[in-house]
Amino acid sequence: MSAATARSAFTIAEFGDRYRLGRTAIYEQIKTGNLVARKIGVKTLILAEDAERWASSLPRLGGSA
């Protein structure tokens, strides 16, 4: 298991690196409720389980369900 998949939480920057998204797109996903984020002080974290749930909820291409 790689270090990225062993993480229990991601910062915004780490999430962006892993899923190839910019900060604006990540915060838009959080704002719309598609992605769950947690706060500790000023730091925003995304739990690995929430990241995987978000990725799994993305629509498939090609019209297959």
N, C-alpha and C. Protein backbone atom coordinates (compact mmCIF):
# COMPACT_ATOMS: atom_id res chain seq x y z
N MET A 1 0.85 -1.18 0.00
CA MET A 1 0.00 0.00 0.00
C MET A 1 0.89 1.24 0.00
N SER A 2 0.61 2.18 -0.90
CA SER A 2 1.43 3.39 -0.98
C SER A 2 1.09 4.35 0.13
N ALA A 3 1.96 5.34 0.34
CA ALA A 3 1.73 6.33 1.40
C ALA A 3 0.45 7.10 1.15
N ALA A 4 0.12 7.37 -0.12
CA ALA A 4 -1.10 8.13 -0.43
C ALA A 4 -2.35 7.36 -0.06
N THR A 5 -2.37 6.05 -0.34
CA THR A 5 -3.56 5.27 -0.03
C THR A 5 -3.64 4.93 1.45
N ALA A 6 -2.54 5.02 2.18
CA ALA A 6 -2.54 4.72 3.60
C ALA A 6 -2.96 5.92 4.44
N ARG A 7 -3.08 7.10 3.85
CA ARG A 7 -3.46 8.29 4.59
C ARG A 7 -4.86 8.15 5.15
N SER A 8 -5.08 8.74 6.32
CA SER A 8 -6.43 8.75 6.88
C SER A 8 -7.12 10.07 6.59
N ALA A 9 -6.35 11.11 6.22
CA ALA A 9 -6.93 12.41 5.87
C ALA A 9 -5.98 13.16 4.95
N PHE A 10 -6.54 14.06 4.16
CA PHE A 10 -5.79 14.87 3.22
C PHE A 10 -6.01 16.35 3.50
N THR A 11 -4.98 17.15 3.37
CA THR A 11 -5.18 18.60 3.33
C THR A 11 -5.75 18.92 1.95
N ILE A 12 -6.17 20.17 1.75
CA ILE A 12 -6.68 20.58 0.45
C ILE A 12 -5.62 20.36 -0.63
N ALA A 13 -4.38 20.75 -0.35
CA ALA A 13 -3.29 20.58 -1.32
C ALA A 13 -3.05 19.12 -1.63
N GLU A 14 -3.05 18.26 -0.62
CA GLU A 14 -2.83 16.83 -0.84
C GLU A 14 -3.96 16.20 -1.64
N PHE A 15 -5.19 16.61 -1.32
CA PHE A 15 -6.35 16.11 -2.06
C PHE A 15 -6.25 16.53 -3.52
N GLY A 16 -5.89 17.78 -3.75
CA GLY A 16 -5.73 18.29 -5.10
C GLY A 16 -4.66 17.54 -5.87
N ASP A 17 -3.54 17.25 -5.22
CA ASP A 17 -2.48 16.48 -5.86
C ASP A 17 -2.95 15.07 -6.22
N ARG A 18 -3.65 14.45 -5.30
CA ARG A 18 -4.10 13.07 -5.52
C ARG A 18 -5.13 12.97 -6.63
N TYR A 19 -6.10 13.89 -6.63
CA TYR A 19 -7.21 13.81 -7.59
C TYR A 19 -7.07 14.79 -8.75
N ARG A 20 -5.93 15.49 -8.83
CA ARG A 20 -5.61 16.39 -9.94
C ARG A 20 -6.65 17.50 -10.10
N LEU A 21 -7.03 18.11 -8.96
CA LEU A 21 -7.99 19.22 -8.94
C LEU A 21 -7.34 20.44 -8.33
N GLY A 22 -7.78 21.61 -8.76
CA GLY A 22 -7.32 22.86 -8.18
C GLY A 22 -8.14 23.22 -6.94
N ARG A 23 -7.62 24.18 -6.18
CA ARG A 23 -8.27 24.60 -4.94
C ARG A 23 -9.70 25.09 -5.18
N THR A 24 -9.90 25.86 -6.25
CA THR A 24 -11.24 26.40 -6.53
C THR A 24 -12.24 25.27 -6.76
N ALA A 25 -11.86 24.28 -7.55
CA ALA A 25 -12.74 23.15 -7.83
C ALA A 25 -13.03 22.35 -6.56
N ILE A 26 -12.03 22.18 -5.71
CA ILE A 26 -12.22 21.44 -4.45
C ILE A 26 -13.20 22.18 -3.56
N TYR A 27 -12.98 23.48 -3.37
CA TYR A 27 -13.87 24.24 -2.51
C TYR A 27 -15.28 24.31 -3.09
N GLU A 28 -15.43 24.29 -4.41
CA GLU A 28 -16.76 24.26 -5.03
C GLU A 28 -17.45 22.93 -4.71
N GLN A 29 -16.71 21.83 -4.76
CA GLN A 29 -17.27 20.53 -4.40
C GLN A 29 -17.71 20.49 -2.94
N ILE A 30 -16.94 21.13 -2.07
CA ILE A 30 -17.30 21.21 -0.65
C ILE A 30 -18.54 22.08 -0.49
N LYS A 31 -18.57 23.23 -1.15
CA LYS A 31 -19.68 24.18 -1.04
C LYS A 31 -21.00 23.55 -1.49
N THR A 32 -20.96 22.76 -2.56
CA THR A 32 -22.18 22.14 -3.08
C THR A 32 -22.59 20.89 -2.29
N GLY A 33 -21.74 20.45 -1.37
CA GLY A 33 -22.07 19.28 -0.55
C GLY A 33 -21.67 17.96 -1.18
N ASN A 34 -21.00 18.01 -2.31
CA ASN A 34 -20.55 16.78 -2.96
C ASN A 34 -19.36 16.15 -2.25
N LEU A 35 -18.59 16.97 -1.56
CA LEU A 35 -17.39 16.52 -0.87
C LEU A 35 -17.45 17.01 0.57
N VAL A 36 -17.24 16.10 1.51
CA VAL A 36 -17.28 16.44 2.93
C VAL A 36 -15.88 16.82 3.40
N ALA A 37 -15.79 17.94 4.09
CA ALA A 37 -14.51 18.39 4.65
C ALA A 37 -14.69 18.64 6.14
N ARG A 38 -13.61 18.59 6.87
CA ARG A 38 -13.60 18.82 8.32
C ARG A 38 -12.63 19.96 8.62
N LYS A 39 -12.87 20.67 9.70
CA LYS A 39 -11.99 21.77 10.11
C LYS A 39 -11.37 21.45 11.46
N ILE A 40 -10.09 21.78 11.58
CA ILE A 40 -9.41 21.76 12.87
C ILE A 40 -8.59 23.04 12.90
N GLY A 41 -9.04 23.98 13.69
CA GLY A 41 -8.42 25.30 13.68
C GLY A 41 -8.64 25.93 12.32
N VAL A 42 -7.56 26.36 11.68
CA VAL A 42 -7.67 26.95 10.35
C VAL A 42 -7.46 25.93 9.23
N LYS A 43 -7.08 24.72 9.58
CA LYS A 43 -6.79 23.68 8.59
C LYS A 43 -8.07 22.95 8.17
N THR A 44 -8.21 22.75 6.87
CA THR A 44 -9.31 21.98 6.31
C THR A 44 -8.78 20.61 5.93
N LEU A 45 -9.46 19.58 6.39
CA LEU A 45 -9.06 18.20 6.10
C LEU A 45 -10.20 17.45 5.41
N ILE A 46 -9.83 16.54 4.56
CA ILE A 46 -10.78 15.64 3.92
C ILE A 46 -10.38 14.23 4.30
N LEU A 47 -11.26 13.54 5.02
CA LEU A 47 -10.97 12.17 5.42
C LEU A 47 -10.87 11.28 4.20
N ALA A 48 -10.00 10.29 4.26
CA ALA A 48 -9.78 9.38 3.13
C ALA A 48 -11.08 8.70 2.74
N GLU A 49 -11.90 8.32 3.70
CA GLU A 49 -13.16 7.65 3.38
C GLU A 49 -14.11 8.60 2.64
N ASP A 50 -14.09 9.88 3.00
CA ASP A 50 -14.92 10.86 2.29
C ASP A 50 -14.37 11.12 0.88
N ALA A 51 -13.05 11.11 0.73
CA ALA A 51 -12.43 11.28 -0.59
C ALA A 51 -12.82 10.12 -1.51
N GLU A 52 -12.76 8.91 -1.00
CA GLU A 52 -13.11 7.75 -1.80
C GLU A 52 -14.59 7.73 -2.14
N ARG A 53 -15.44 8.13 -1.19
CA ARG A 53 -16.88 8.21 -1.43
C ARG A 53 -17.17 9.22 -2.54
N TRP A 54 -16.48 10.39 -2.47
CA TRP A 54 -16.64 11.42 -3.50
C TRP A 54 -16.22 10.88 -4.87
N ALA A 55 -15.05 10.26 -4.94
CA ALA A 55 -14.54 9.74 -6.22
C ALA A 55 -15.49 8.68 -6.78
N SER A 56 -16.02 7.83 -5.92
CA SER A 56 -16.94 6.78 -6.37
C SER A 56 -18.27 7.34 -6.86
N SER A 57 -18.63 8.53 -6.40
CA SER A 57 -19.92 9.12 -6.78
C SER A 57 -19.86 9.87 -8.09
N LEU A 58 -18.67 10.06 -8.64
CA LEU A 58 -18.53 10.78 -9.91
C LEU A 58 -19.20 9.98 -11.02
N PRO A 59 -19.85 10.67 -11.98
CA PRO A 59 -20.52 9.94 -13.05
C PRO A 59 -19.54 9.23 -13.98
N ARG A 60 -19.97 8.11 -14.49
CA ARG A 60 -19.18 7.36 -15.45
C ARG A 60 -19.33 7.96 -16.83
N LEU A 61 -18.32 7.84 -17.64
CA LEU A 61 -18.39 8.27 -19.03
C LEU A 61 -18.94 7.14 -19.89
N GLY A 62 -19.54 7.46 -20.98
CA GLY A 62 -20.01 6.46 -21.92
C GLY A 62 -21.45 6.03 -21.71
N GLY A 63 -22.14 6.61 -20.76
CA GLY A 63 -23.56 6.33 -20.56
C GLY A 63 -23.86 5.02 -19.86
N SER A 64 -22.86 4.26 -19.45
CA SER A 64 -23.10 3.01 -18.74
C SER A 64 -23.28 3.31 -17.26
N ALA A 65 -24.24 2.67 -16.65
CA ALA A 65 -24.48 2.89 -15.22
C ALA A 65 -23.94 1.74 -14.41
